[in-house]
Protein backbone atom coordinates (compact mmCIF):
# COMPACT_ATOMS: atom_id res chain seq x y z
CA MET A 1 -0.01 -0.04 0.05
CA GLU A 2 2.86 2.34 0.82
CA LYS A 3 4.08 2.05 -2.88
CA ILE A 4 0.77 3.08 -4.11
CA ILE A 5 0.57 5.90 -1.76
CA LYS A 6 4.13 7.00 -2.68
CA ALA A 7 3.32 6.84 -6.46
CA LEU A 8 0.15 8.93 -5.96
CA LEU A 9 1.96 11.58 -3.93
CA GLU A 10 4.86 11.77 -6.49
CA SER A 11 2.33 12.45 -9.22
CA LYS A 12 0.36 14.89 -7.18
CA PHE A 13 3.40 16.73 -5.81
CA PRO A 14 6.31 16.44 -8.32
CA THR A 15 8.30 19.34 -6.79
CA ILE A 16 8.10 18.11 -3.03
CA GLU A 17 10.31 15.46 -1.41
CA VAL A 18 7.71 12.74 -1.04
CA SER A 19 9.62 10.99 1.78
CA LEU A 20 8.71 13.99 4.05
CA LEU A 21 5.09 13.65 3.19
CA LEU A 22 5.09 10.02 3.80
CA GLU A 23 6.64 10.54 7.31
CA VAL A 24 3.82 13.06 8.12
CA ILE A 25 1.23 10.63 6.85
CA SER A 26 2.64 7.68 8.80
CA ASN A 27 2.55 9.66 11.97
CA THR A 28 -1.18 10.43 11.88
CA PRO A 29 -3.84 8.33 13.47
CA ASP A 30 -5.29 7.16 10.05
CA SER A 31 -2.84 7.23 7.28
CA MET A 32 -5.49 6.76 4.64
CA ILE A 33 -7.40 9.91 5.73
CA ALA A 34 -4.24 11.84 5.79
CA THR A 35 -3.44 10.72 2.27
CA GLU A 36 -6.94 11.55 1.09
CA ILE A 37 -6.67 15.16 2.65
CA LEU A 38 -3.33 15.98 0.97
CA CYS A 39 -4.52 14.67 -2.38
CA GLY A 40 -7.75 16.67 -2.14
CA LEU A 41 -9.89 13.44 -2.23
CA TYR A 42 -11.19 13.43 1.31
CA VAL A 43 -14.98 13.70 1.76
CA GLU A 44 -16.10 14.24 5.38
CA PRO A 45 -19.00 12.11 6.38
CA VAL A 46 -22.48 13.64 7.10
CA VAL A 47 -22.91 13.63 10.96
CA ASN A 48 -26.44 13.58 11.80
CA PRO A 49 -27.65 16.42 14.21
CA GLN A 50 -29.14 14.06 16.56
CA PRO A 51 -27.95 10.44 17.48
CA GLN A 52 -29.76 7.34 16.34
CA LYS A 53 -32.75 6.25 18.28
CA GLY A 54 -31.74 4.43 21.50
CA PHE A 55 -28.41 6.13 21.89
CA ARG A 56 -27.58 6.73 25.52
CA ASN A 57 -31.11 6.71 27.16
CA GLN A 58 -29.72 8.44 30.31
CA GLU A 59 -28.82 11.56 28.10
CA THR A 60 -30.85 14.23 26.31
CA ASN A 61 -30.57 17.60 24.44
CA PHE A 62 -27.76 16.37 22.24
CA LYS A 63 -25.70 18.86 20.38
CA VAL A 64 -22.94 18.06 17.98
CA LEU A 65 -19.77 20.02 18.85
CA GLY A 66 -17.51 18.59 16.06
CA TYR A 67 -16.11 15.64 14.21
CA ASN A 68 -12.58 14.32 14.41
CA LYS A 69 -11.73 12.94 11.00
CA PHE A 70 -8.69 11.12 12.10
CA THR A 71 -10.30 9.18 15.07
CA LYS A 72 -13.72 9.17 13.28
CA GLU A 73 -15.37 10.35 16.58
CA VAL A 74 -18.32 12.75 17.08
CA ASP A 75 -17.79 15.40 19.93
CA TYR A 76 -21.19 16.12 21.54
CA SER A 77 -22.74 17.91 24.50
CA TYR A 78 -25.61 16.60 26.53
CA ASN A 79 -27.67 16.87 29.76
CA GLN A 80 -27.66 13.84 31.86
CA ILE A 81 -31.01 12.29 33.04
CA PRO A 82 -30.68 10.92 36.64
CA PHE A 83 -32.29 7.58 37.43
CA THR A 84 -32.70 5.16 40.16
CA GLU A 85 -32.48 1.43 39.50
CA TYR A 86 -34.39 -1.29 41.30
CA TRP A 87 -34.27 -4.91 40.86
CA VAL A 88 -37.61 -6.59 41.11
CA LYS A 89 -38.17 -10.45 41.43
CA ASN A 90 -40.29 -11.89 38.53
CA GLY A 91 -43.94 -12.06 39.59
CA GLU A 92 -43.57 -9.10 42.10
CA THR A 93 -45.01 -5.72 41.62
CA ALA A 94 -42.71 -2.98 40.90
CA PRO A 95 -42.89 0.37 42.88
CA GLU A 96 -45.23 2.81 41.20
CA TYR A 97 -44.15 6.24 40.57
CA GLY A 98 -46.54 9.03 39.62
CA ALA A 99 -44.52 12.14 40.10
CA GLU A 100 -44.73 14.60 37.10
CA GLY A 101 -41.67 14.33 34.98
CA LEU A 102 -40.68 10.81 35.99
CA LYS A 103 -40.34 8.12 33.35
CA TYR A 104 -40.87 4.63 34.43
CA THR A 105 -39.20 1.83 32.24
CA SER A 106 -38.15 -1.59 32.73
CA GLY A 107 -36.25 -4.20 30.96
CA MET A 108 -33.89 -7.19 31.13
CA TYR A 109 -30.47 -6.42 32.08
CA TYR A 110 -28.07 -7.97 34.53
CA ASN A 111 -24.33 -7.88 35.45
CA GLU A 112 -21.91 -9.43 38.06
CA ASP A 113 -22.17 -6.38 40.22
CA VAL A 114 -26.02 -6.74 40.71
CA ALA A 115 -25.50 -10.47 41.56
CA LYS A 116 -22.82 -9.62 44.19
CA LYS A 117 -25.17 -6.98 45.67
CA LEU A 118 -28.07 -9.38 46.05
CA GLY A 119 -25.68 -12.36 47.03
CA ILE A 120 -26.94 -14.68 44.21
CA SER A 121 -25.36 -15.86 40.83
CA LYS A 122 -25.62 -13.75 37.69
CA GLU A 123 -27.57 -16.65 36.14
CA GLU A 124 -30.25 -16.37 38.94
CA VAL A 125 -30.40 -12.47 38.55
CA GLN A 126 -30.86 -13.12 34.75
CA SER A 127 -33.71 -15.67 35.01
CA ASN A 128 -35.52 -14.40 38.24
CA TYR A 129 -35.20 -10.71 38.30
CA LYS A 130 -36.08 -7.70 36.04
CA ARG A 131 -34.43 -4.24 36.12
CA VAL A 132 -36.69 -1.31 36.64
CA CYS A 133 -35.38 2.23 36.24
CA VAL A 134 -37.15 5.45 37.27
CA TYR A 135 -35.96 8.54 35.41
CA GLY A 136 -36.07 11.92 36.64
CA LEU A 137 -35.82 15.42 34.91
CA PRO A 138 -32.81 16.33 32.98
CA SER A 139 -30.02 17.92 34.89
CA ILE A 140 -29.07 21.52 33.87
CA LYS A 141 -25.46 20.75 33.76
CA VAL A 142 -23.98 20.43 30.32
CA CYS A 143 -21.63 17.42 29.89
CA THR A 144 -19.42 16.54 26.98
CA SER A 145 -18.29 13.25 25.54
CA LYS A 146 -17.37 11.63 22.19
CA THR A 147 -18.38 8.47 20.29
CA CYS A 148 -17.63 6.65 17.25
CA ILE A 149 -19.54 8.05 14.34
CA SER A 150 -20.97 4.55 13.56
CA ASN A 151 -22.61 4.72 17.12
CA TRP A 152 -24.08 8.17 16.51
CA ASN A 153 -25.26 7.97 12.94
């Protein structure tokens, strides 16, 4: 691949020492992106203004801050939605919450930490319990993060 890139650069930049360009390219996080940029071939992907449905349920008010073409990551800001997690044994009634602004959801989810907390095996948690989350109102604090563009779009 390096021979192809070298030939491309030599034809694109006949008056420049190509070994210097190759050194710069090889020291970037993504050499193919660097080559495309130098040769004027790079096309930045479209970053959706909002993430795909189901992306980070505990966050809201997403705003794209930028895109890093070398790491293929979307920088974004958001407000966190606080939640309380409960574990309810199958067949038992989950607590009812009727306060304005609270969103009640349930679903299957388990991990080793929950099993340790309950003092049972993770297999028993998986087969005998359900996770119930009660979401509150979004925080006013603005947080920032980054994610791979394939997770965002």
